[in-house]
Each structure stands twice: as C-alpha cells, then as structure tokens.
C-alpha cells in the first residue's frame, strides 16, 4: 500500500505543477543576412523532410506550393505533419490532406517568409442502406468479408474535398524549422 501511494505521489506531483502552455503561432519570419536562393532551397529541404512534395517553385516570385499531403496515421510515427492532439485524432478519423504555400518577400534589409497551410477533408456521399445486414455497403460495394472502397459513378461525382481552413500550428512548425536550419552553423556547408 505504501508503494502504491509513493508511486501515485511521484506520478501526480509533476502533473499538478504543470502549466498549461498556449501554443504561439507565427505567420511570418524575417531573416537578415540571407539570400533568396538559400532561403528557397532551405524551405524546399524542410518541406521535403516533412514528406511534402513541391508542386511549384518559382524563385523569381519567391513562391513555393506543395502537392496535397495525406495526414499521418497513428502508426506512421516517423511523420510529423499532425501538430497537436486534435490534428492527430482528426487525421486518424477522417481522410485529411494539407497543402503548404510559402511566400518569400523582401522587407527592408531582410527577407521574410510566410507560410499558409490549408487543410481539407474528404467527403464521401452515402448510399441508402436497406437493412442492418448491409450496413457495410454504406460507402461502397464492399462484401462483408472484405472492405474495399469502390465508389459508384454517382458517388464519384459527389465526392469532394471540403476546406477546413488553415493549420496555423503546422505553419509555425515549418517556419521554425526553416529558421533553425538557416541559423545552424552547418548552413554554409555542402550536404
């Protein structure tokens, strides 16, 4: 009994002392002593490390857009595109995808990069269920022994990606990684 009390005390004391941390989001970072090409390359490297695929990169305009990236599932522990418990849960319950857009502009003597991550959720139209025994056919023509997403032509027409807004927390993480990579002592070394 004493061991149990001691164990509970050890486990609960840190929890009682913990402070709720408010996540601070960043829309833009400005970096002195950086050239545009270096910033573009670093941004593309960071996006690649986070498993995004660059769809468009325009060095003249200072613009990068990625292809949509499906949200990581719970077993994909190596991925980190779901920032926070809510985003992790949502990506495991729904088909979620994110697209990142970065804009690089000069403000005075420094370059600034802004990041905007858009989130979308897949909406599949339901089929009419005529009995409880056929509930497995609510979204597809699957059989009871094997669930396969096989949509009817009518369902394919109604299938859509719904905009869920911005993921400011992921934008902040991307910007912080760009800033960290540019400010590290190895930024000038060849990879």
Protein backbone atom coordinates (compact mmCIF):
# COMPACT_ATOMS: atom_id res chain seq x y z
CA UNK A 1 0.00 0.00 0.00
CA UNK A 2 2.85 2.39 0.83
CA UNK A 3 4.49 1.62 -2.51
CA UNK A 4 1.26 2.43 -4.32
CA UNK A 5 0.91 5.77 -2.50
CA UNK A 6 4.53 6.61 -3.25
CA UNK A 7 4.07 5.71 -6.90
CA UNK A 8 0.92 7.84 -7.19
CA UNK A 9 2.65 10.75 -5.49
CA UNK A 10 5.61 10.55 -7.84
CA UNK A 11 3.32 10.41 -10.86
CA UNK A 12 0.87 13.11 -9.81
CA UNK A 13 3.19 15.78 -8.46
CA UNK A 14 4.58 16.73 -11.88
CA UNK A 15 1.06 16.76 -13.31
CA UNK A 16 -0.11 19.18 -10.63
CA UNK A 17 2.80 21.51 -11.25
CA UNK A 18 2.43 21.55 -14.99
CA UNK A 19 1.30 24.78 -16.53
CA UNK A 20 -0.98 24.96 -19.50
CA UNK A 21 1.09 26.16 -22.41
CA UNK A 22 -0.57 28.27 -25.03
CA UNK A 23 0.75 27.50 -28.45
CA UNK A 24 2.00 30.63 -30.09
CA UNK A 25 1.53 30.65 -33.82
CA UNK A 26 3.73 32.51 -36.27
CA UNK A 27 2.53 33.64 -39.69
CA UNK A 28 5.84 35.00 -40.94
CA UNK A 29 9.52 35.07 -40.04
CA UNK A 30 12.10 37.59 -41.21
CA UNK A 31 15.73 36.63 -41.62
CA UNK A 32 18.64 39.05 -42.02
CA UNK A 33 21.79 38.08 -43.94
CA UNK A 34 20.02 35.52 -46.12
CA UNK A 35 19.77 35.43 -49.88
CA UNK A 36 16.64 34.36 -51.73
CA UNK A 37 18.15 31.26 -53.33
CA UNK A 38 19.43 30.00 -50.00
CA UNK A 39 16.05 30.61 -48.36
CA UNK A 40 14.17 28.91 -51.22
CA UNK A 41 16.47 25.85 -51.06
CA UNK A 42 16.19 25.62 -47.28
CA UNK A 43 12.39 25.91 -47.44
CA UNK A 44 12.22 23.13 -50.04
CA UNK A 45 14.55 20.97 -47.92
CA UNK A 46 12.38 21.46 -44.82
CA UNK A 47 9.21 20.63 -46.74
CA UNK A 48 10.89 17.51 -48.15
CA UNK A 49 12.00 16.41 -44.67
CA UNK A 50 8.35 16.70 -43.60
CA UNK A 51 7.32 14.45 -46.56
CA UNK A 52 5.73 17.22 -48.63
CA UNK A 53 6.32 17.15 -52.39
CA UNK A 54 6.93 20.53 -54.02
CA UNK A 55 4.45 21.09 -56.84
CA UNK A 56 5.52 24.60 -57.84
CA UNK A 57 8.65 26.54 -57.04
CA UNK A 58 9.19 30.00 -58.54
CA UNK A 59 12.45 31.63 -57.42
CA UNK A 60 11.67 34.93 -59.18
CA UNK A 61 8.36 35.34 -57.38
CA UNK A 62 9.60 33.72 -54.16
CA UNK A 63 6.74 31.23 -54.13
CA UNK A 64 6.56 27.53 -53.19
CA UNK A 65 3.43 25.34 -53.21
CA UNK A 66 3.28 21.67 -52.29
CA UNK A 67 1.08 18.88 -53.53
CA UNK A 68 -1.59 17.81 -51.03
CA UNK A 69 -0.15 15.53 -48.34
CA UNK A 70 -2.42 13.00 -46.65
CA UNK A 71 -2.41 13.35 -42.86
CA UNK A 72 -0.19 10.89 -40.98
CA UNK A 73 -1.85 7.90 -39.34
CA UNK A 74 -1.10 6.78 -35.78
CA UNK A 75 1.29 4.05 -36.92
CA UNK A 76 3.37 6.49 -39.04
CA UNK A 77 5.46 7.60 -36.08
CA UNK A 78 8.22 8.99 -38.34
CA UNK A 79 5.89 11.63 -39.79
CA UNK A 80 5.17 14.90 -38.01
CA UNK A 81 2.61 16.78 -40.09
CA UNK A 82 -0.12 16.44 -37.43
CA UNK A 83 0.69 19.09 -34.84
CA UNK A 84 -1.27 18.69 -31.62
CA UNK A 85 -3.61 16.02 -30.27
CA UNK A 86 -6.69 17.32 -32.11
CA UNK A 87 -4.97 17.20 -35.52
CA UNK A 88 -3.62 13.71 -34.80
CA UNK A 89 -7.07 12.44 -33.84
CA UNK A 90 -8.73 14.10 -36.83
CA UNK A 91 -6.23 12.59 -39.29
CA UNK A 92 -6.91 9.13 -37.85
CA UNK A 93 -10.69 9.51 -38.03
CA UNK A 94 -11.00 11.21 -41.41
CA UNK A 95 -9.20 11.42 -44.72
CA UNK A 96 -7.29 14.68 -44.24
CA UNK A 97 -4.82 16.37 -46.56
CA UNK A 98 -2.73 19.52 -46.25
CA UNK A 99 -1.17 21.85 -48.81
CA UNK A 100 1.58 24.30 -47.84
CA UNK A 101 2.24 27.61 -49.59
CA UNK A 102 5.27 29.75 -48.83
CA UNK A 103 5.80 33.34 -49.96
CA UNK A 104 9.22 34.96 -49.74
CA UNK A 105 9.48 38.73 -49.95
CA UNK A 106 12.00 41.45 -49.15
CA UNK A 107 11.15 43.83 -46.34
CA UNK A 108 13.86 46.41 -45.94
CA UNK A 109 17.23 44.75 -45.46
CA UNK A 110 15.87 41.29 -44.73
CA UNK A 111 13.93 38.51 -46.40
CA UNK A 112 10.66 37.38 -44.89
CA UNK A 113 8.89 34.08 -45.47
CA UNK A 114 5.23 33.48 -44.79
CA UNK A 115 3.62 30.05 -44.62
CA UNK A 116 0.00 29.13 -45.15
CA UNK A 117 -1.16 25.53 -44.72
CA UNK A 118 -4.64 24.68 -45.98
CA UNK A 119 -6.47 21.62 -44.62
CA UNK A 120 -9.12 19.61 -46.46
CA UNK A 121 -11.27 16.62 -45.50
CA UNK A 122 -12.67 14.07 -47.94
CA UNK A 123 -16.45 13.92 -48.08
CA UNK A 124 -17.92 10.70 -49.46
CA UNK A 125 -21.64 10.51 -50.25
CA UNK A 126 -23.51 7.70 -48.52
CA UNK A 127 -25.58 5.03 -50.19
CA UNK A 128 -29.02 4.12 -48.94
CA UNK A 129 -28.89 1.19 -46.54
CA UNK A 130 -31.88 -1.07 -46.91
CA UNK A 131 -31.14 -3.36 -43.94
CA UNK A 132 -28.82 -3.65 -40.97
CA UNK A 133 -27.12 -6.64 -42.52
CA UNK A 134 -25.99 -4.49 -45.44
CA UNK A 135 -24.51 -1.61 -43.40
CA UNK A 136 -21.05 -2.40 -44.81
CA UNK A 137 -22.27 -1.06 -48.17
CA UNK A 138 -22.95 2.45 -46.81
CA UNK A 139 -19.98 3.95 -48.69
CA UNK A 140 -19.02 1.26 -51.19
CA UNK A 141 -19.90 -2.03 -52.86
CA UNK A 142 -17.78 -3.98 -50.37
CA UNK A 143 -18.57 -7.51 -49.28
CA UNK A 144 -18.99 -8.45 -45.62
CA UNK A 145 -15.68 -10.36 -45.64
CA UNK A 146 -13.57 -7.66 -47.33
CA UNK A 147 -13.93 -3.90 -47.03
CA UNK A 148 -12.84 -2.12 -50.20
CA UNK A 149 -13.55 1.47 -51.13
CA UNK A 150 -15.21 1.08 -54.51
CA UNK A 151 -17.41 4.05 -55.36
CA UNK A 152 -20.35 4.12 -57.74
CA UNK A 153 -20.19 6.64 -60.61
CA UNK A 154 -22.84 8.75 -58.82
CA UNK A 155 -20.76 8.75 -55.65
CA UNK A 156 -17.61 9.74 -57.56
CA UNK A 157 -19.45 12.78 -58.94
CA UNK A 158 -20.48 13.85 -55.42
CA UNK A 159 -17.13 13.11 -53.77
CA UNK A 160 -15.39 16.33 -52.73
CA UNK A 161 -12.58 17.74 -50.61
CA UNK A 162 -14.05 20.16 -48.07
CA UNK A 163 -11.95 23.10 -46.90
CA UNK A 164 -11.38 23.08 -43.15
CA UNK A 165 -9.34 26.28 -43.04
CA UNK A 166 -5.73 26.93 -42.06
CA UNK A 167 -3.42 24.81 -39.94
CA UNK A 168 -1.53 27.63 -38.22
CA UNK A 169 0.25 25.26 -35.88
CA UNK A 170 1.84 23.34 -38.77
CA UNK A 171 2.70 26.65 -40.48
CA UNK A 172 4.52 27.68 -37.31
CA UNK A 173 6.45 24.40 -37.18
CA UNK A 174 7.51 24.76 -40.83
CA UNK A 175 8.70 28.35 -40.29
CA UNK A 176 10.57 27.41 -37.10
CA UNK A 177 12.36 24.59 -38.90
CA UNK A 178 13.37 26.91 -41.74
CA UNK A 179 14.71 29.44 -39.23
CA UNK A 180 16.59 26.74 -37.26
CA UNK A 181 18.13 25.25 -40.39
CA UNK A 182 19.28 28.66 -41.66
CA UNK A 183 20.70 29.68 -38.30
CA UNK A 184 22.56 26.42 -37.69
CA UNK A 185 26.36 26.55 -38.04
CA UNK A 186 26.24 23.99 -40.86
CA UNK A 187 24.08 26.16 -43.16
CA UNK A 188 27.01 27.06 -45.33
CA UNK A 189 28.40 23.56 -45.61
CA UNK A 190 27.60 21.28 -48.52
CA UNK A 191 25.36 18.34 -47.79
